[in-house]
Amino acid sequence: MAACVAVNQSGYFVLADPQPINLADCQSYVMMTPPEFSQATQVPDSAQAAEFFGFGFSMVVASYLAGWAVGTIRKTVRSGAN
């Protein structure tokens, strides 16, 4: 289990007292076990990376097309009102 540790005057790591409830509130270092570290630093495989890129790219294209459609409709409505 991850623990919040601090460095004392001798240069040794000691457990922070009291331990914060949320490790994001740790003011010094967070010490992890090897399985926790490997899980936290896991890199997505190529299929997942391609999926993430495809999703992000499709969101940009979809936003552009939605904006283009709204602009065309606005232009049509405004020219029809004259």
N, C-alpha and C. Protein backbone atom coordinates (compact mmCIF):
# COMPACT_ATOMS: atom_id res chain seq x y z
N MET A 1 0.84 -1.17 0.00
CA MET A 1 0.00 0.00 0.00
C MET A 1 0.90 1.24 0.00
N ALA A 2 0.56 2.22 -0.80
CA ALA A 2 1.35 3.44 -0.89
C ALA A 2 1.29 4.20 0.43
N ALA A 3 2.40 4.86 0.74
CA ALA A 3 2.49 5.60 2.00
C ALA A 3 3.16 6.95 1.75
N CYS A 4 2.78 7.92 2.53
CA CYS A 4 3.38 9.24 2.48
C CYS A 4 4.60 9.23 3.40
N VAL A 5 5.78 9.57 2.84
CA VAL A 5 7.00 9.57 3.64
C VAL A 5 7.66 10.94 3.54
N ALA A 6 8.48 11.24 4.54
CA ALA A 6 9.23 12.49 4.58
C ALA A 6 10.69 12.16 4.88
N VAL A 7 11.57 13.12 4.63
CA VAL A 7 12.99 12.94 4.92
C VAL A 7 13.30 13.66 6.22
N ASN A 8 13.93 12.94 7.18
CA ASN A 8 14.26 13.58 8.45
C ASN A 8 15.63 14.27 8.35
N GLN A 9 16.12 14.82 9.44
CA GLN A 9 17.37 15.58 9.45
C GLN A 9 18.58 14.69 9.12
N SER A 10 18.48 13.40 9.38
CA SER A 10 19.58 12.47 9.09
C SER A 10 19.59 12.02 7.63
N GLY A 11 18.56 12.39 6.89
CA GLY A 11 18.48 11.99 5.48
C GLY A 11 17.76 10.69 5.24
N TYR A 12 17.10 10.15 6.26
CA TYR A 12 16.36 8.90 6.13
C TYR A 12 14.88 9.19 5.87
N PHE A 13 14.26 8.23 5.17
CA PHE A 13 12.82 8.33 4.95
C PHE A 13 12.09 7.85 6.20
N VAL A 14 11.11 8.60 6.63
CA VAL A 14 10.26 8.21 7.76
C VAL A 14 8.81 8.41 7.33
N LEU A 15 7.94 7.59 7.90
CA LEU A 15 6.51 7.74 7.59
C LEU A 15 6.02 9.08 8.10
N ALA A 16 5.28 9.77 7.27
CA ALA A 16 4.71 11.04 7.69
C ALA A 16 3.66 10.78 8.76
N ASP A 17 3.66 11.61 9.76
CA ASP A 17 2.71 11.44 10.86
C ASP A 17 1.89 12.71 11.01
N PRO A 18 0.61 12.71 10.90
CA PRO A 18 -0.26 11.58 10.56
C PRO A 18 -0.30 11.35 9.05
N GLN A 19 -0.67 10.14 8.66
CA GLN A 19 -0.81 9.82 7.24
C GLN A 19 -2.02 10.56 6.68
N PRO A 20 -1.87 11.25 5.54
CA PRO A 20 -3.04 11.91 4.95
C PRO A 20 -4.05 10.88 4.44
N ILE A 21 -5.30 11.24 4.49
CA ILE A 21 -6.35 10.32 4.02
C ILE A 21 -6.25 10.14 2.51
N ASN A 22 -5.95 11.22 1.80
CA ASN A 22 -5.80 11.18 0.35
C ASN A 22 -4.32 11.41 0.04
N LEU A 23 -3.70 10.52 -0.72
CA LEU A 23 -2.27 10.67 -1.02
C LEU A 23 -1.97 11.90 -1.85
N ALA A 24 -2.97 12.49 -2.50
CA ALA A 24 -2.75 13.74 -3.23
C ALA A 24 -2.42 14.87 -2.27
N ASP A 25 -2.77 14.72 -0.99
CA ASP A 25 -2.49 15.73 0.02
C ASP A 25 -1.11 15.55 0.67
N CYS A 26 -0.34 14.57 0.22
CA CYS A 26 0.98 14.32 0.79
C CYS A 26 1.90 15.49 0.43
N GLN A 27 2.58 16.04 1.43
CA GLN A 27 3.43 17.22 1.22
C GLN A 27 4.86 16.86 0.87
N SER A 28 5.24 15.58 0.89
CA SER A 28 6.63 15.22 0.58
C SER A 28 6.67 14.15 -0.51
N TYR A 29 6.93 12.90 -0.18
CA TYR A 29 7.07 11.83 -1.15
C TYR A 29 6.02 10.75 -0.92
N VAL A 30 5.65 10.06 -2.01
CA VAL A 30 4.76 8.92 -1.91
C VAL A 30 5.58 7.68 -2.26
N MET A 31 5.65 6.74 -1.34
CA MET A 31 6.39 5.51 -1.57
C MET A 31 5.40 4.42 -1.95
N MET A 32 5.72 3.71 -3.04
CA MET A 32 4.82 2.68 -3.57
C MET A 32 5.53 1.33 -3.59
N THR A 33 4.72 0.28 -3.62
CA THR A 33 5.27 -1.05 -3.82
C THR A 33 5.52 -1.24 -5.32
N PRO A 34 6.37 -2.17 -5.72
CA PRO A 34 6.63 -2.39 -7.14
C PRO A 34 5.38 -2.66 -7.98
N PRO A 35 4.42 -3.48 -7.53
CA PRO A 35 3.21 -3.67 -8.34
C PRO A 35 2.39 -2.37 -8.51
N GLU A 36 2.33 -1.55 -7.46
CA GLU A 36 1.61 -0.28 -7.57
C GLU A 36 2.29 0.64 -8.57
N PHE A 37 3.63 0.67 -8.54
CA PHE A 37 4.37 1.52 -9.45
C PHE A 37 4.18 1.09 -10.90
N SER A 38 4.25 -0.22 -11.16
CA SER A 38 4.08 -0.70 -12.53
C SER A 38 2.67 -0.45 -13.03
N GLN A 39 1.68 -0.52 -12.14
CA GLN A 39 0.31 -0.23 -12.54
C GLN A 39 0.14 1.27 -12.82
N ALA A 40 0.77 2.12 -12.03
CA ALA A 40 0.63 3.57 -12.19
C ALA A 40 1.35 4.07 -13.43
N THR A 41 2.41 3.39 -13.86
CA THR A 41 3.18 3.84 -15.01
C THR A 41 2.94 3.00 -16.25
N GLN A 42 1.85 2.29 -16.28
CA GLN A 42 1.53 1.41 -17.40
C GLN A 42 1.28 2.24 -18.66
N VAL A 43 1.93 1.86 -19.75
CA VAL A 43 1.79 2.55 -21.03
C VAL A 43 0.77 1.78 -21.86
N PRO A 44 -0.16 2.49 -22.52
CA PRO A 44 -1.14 1.76 -23.33
C PRO A 44 -0.46 1.07 -24.52
N ASP A 45 -1.01 -0.08 -24.92
CA ASP A 45 -0.45 -0.75 -26.09
C ASP A 45 -0.84 -0.01 -27.37
N SER A 46 -0.33 -0.45 -28.49
CA SER A 46 -0.53 0.28 -29.74
C SER A 46 -2.00 0.33 -30.16
N ALA A 47 -2.76 -0.71 -29.87
CA ALA A 47 -4.18 -0.71 -30.24
C ALA A 47 -4.95 0.34 -29.42
N GLN A 48 -4.64 0.43 -28.13
CA GLN A 48 -5.29 1.44 -27.30
C GLN A 48 -4.88 2.85 -27.72
N ALA A 49 -3.60 3.04 -28.03
CA ALA A 49 -3.13 4.36 -28.45
C ALA A 49 -3.81 4.78 -29.76
N ALA A 50 -3.97 3.85 -30.69
CA ALA A 50 -4.65 4.14 -31.94
C ALA A 50 -6.12 4.48 -31.70
N GLU A 51 -6.73 3.80 -30.76
CA GLU A 51 -8.12 4.08 -30.42
C GLU A 51 -8.28 5.47 -29.81
N PHE A 52 -7.36 5.84 -28.91
CA PHE A 52 -7.40 7.18 -28.30
C PHE A 52 -7.22 8.26 -29.36
N PHE A 53 -6.24 8.07 -30.26
CA PHE A 53 -5.99 9.05 -31.32
C PHE A 53 -7.21 9.15 -32.24
N GLY A 54 -7.76 8.02 -32.62
CA GLY A 54 -8.93 8.02 -33.51
C GLY A 54 -10.11 8.74 -32.89
N PHE A 55 -10.33 8.52 -31.60
CA PHE A 55 -11.43 9.19 -30.92
C PHE A 55 -11.21 10.69 -30.88
N GLY A 56 -10.00 11.12 -30.52
CA GLY A 56 -9.71 12.55 -30.47
C GLY A 56 -9.82 13.21 -31.83
N PHE A 57 -9.29 12.57 -32.86
CA PHE A 57 -9.37 13.12 -34.21
C PHE A 57 -10.82 13.19 -34.68
N SER A 58 -11.60 12.16 -34.41
CA SER A 58 -13.01 12.18 -34.86
C SER A 58 -13.80 13.25 -34.13
N MET A 59 -13.44 13.55 -32.87
CA MET A 59 -14.14 14.62 -32.15
C MET A 59 -13.85 15.98 -32.78
N VAL A 60 -12.61 16.21 -33.22
CA VAL A 60 -12.26 17.46 -33.89
C VAL A 60 -13.02 17.59 -35.20
N VAL A 61 -13.03 16.53 -36.00
CA VAL A 61 -13.74 16.56 -37.28
C VAL A 61 -15.24 16.73 -37.06
N ALA A 62 -15.82 16.05 -36.09
CA ALA A 62 -17.25 16.17 -35.82
C ALA A 62 -17.60 17.59 -35.36
N SER A 63 -16.74 18.19 -34.55
CA SER A 63 -17.00 19.57 -34.11
C SER A 63 -16.95 20.53 -35.30
N TYR A 64 -15.98 20.34 -36.18
CA TYR A 64 -15.88 21.19 -37.37
C TYR A 64 -17.14 21.05 -38.24
N LEU A 65 -17.56 19.82 -38.47
CA LEU A 65 -18.74 19.60 -39.32
C LEU A 65 -20.00 20.16 -38.67
N ALA A 66 -20.13 20.04 -37.37
CA ALA A 66 -21.29 20.60 -36.68
C ALA A 66 -21.28 22.13 -36.80
N GLY A 67 -20.12 22.75 -36.62
CA GLY A 67 -20.02 24.20 -36.78
C GLY A 67 -20.30 24.64 -38.19
N TRP A 68 -19.81 23.88 -39.16
CA TRP A 68 -20.09 24.21 -40.57
C TRP A 68 -21.59 24.12 -40.86
N ALA A 69 -22.25 23.08 -40.33
CA ALA A 69 -23.68 22.92 -40.56
C ALA A 69 -24.47 24.06 -39.92
N VAL A 70 -24.12 24.44 -38.71
CA VAL A 70 -24.81 25.54 -38.04
C VAL A 70 -24.59 26.84 -38.80
N GLY A 71 -23.37 27.08 -39.28
CA GLY A 71 -23.08 28.28 -40.05
C GLY A 71 -23.87 28.33 -41.34
N THR A 72 -23.98 27.21 -42.02
CA THR A 72 -24.75 27.15 -43.28
C THR A 72 -26.22 27.41 -43.02
N ILE A 73 -26.77 26.84 -41.96
CA ILE A 73 -28.18 27.06 -41.62
C ILE A 73 -28.41 28.52 -41.28
N ARG A 74 -27.50 29.12 -40.49
CA ARG A 74 -27.65 30.55 -40.14
C ARG A 74 -27.61 31.42 -41.39
N LYS A 75 -26.70 31.12 -42.29
CA LYS A 75 -26.57 31.89 -43.52
C LYS A 75 -27.84 31.76 -44.36
N THR A 76 -28.39 30.56 -44.43
CA THR A 76 -29.62 30.34 -45.21
C THR A 76 -30.81 31.07 -44.59
N VAL A 77 -30.93 31.02 -43.27
CA VAL A 77 -32.04 31.69 -42.59
C VAL A 77 -31.91 33.20 -42.76
N ARG A 78 -30.71 33.74 -42.61
CA ARG A 78 -30.53 35.18 -42.76
C ARG A 78 -30.78 35.65 -44.18
N SER A 79 -30.37 34.90 -45.19
CA SER A 79 -30.59 35.33 -46.58
C SER A 79 -32.07 35.19 -46.95
N GLY A 80 -32.78 34.28 -46.33
CA GLY A 80 -34.21 34.11 -46.59
C GLY A 80 -35.06 35.18 -45.93
N ALA A 81 -34.53 35.83 -44.89
CA ALA A 81 -35.29 36.84 -44.17
C ALA A 81 -35.30 38.17 -44.92
N ASN A 82 -34.36 38.38 -45.84
CA ASN A 82 -34.28 39.64 -46.59
C ASN A 82 -35.30 39.69 -47.66
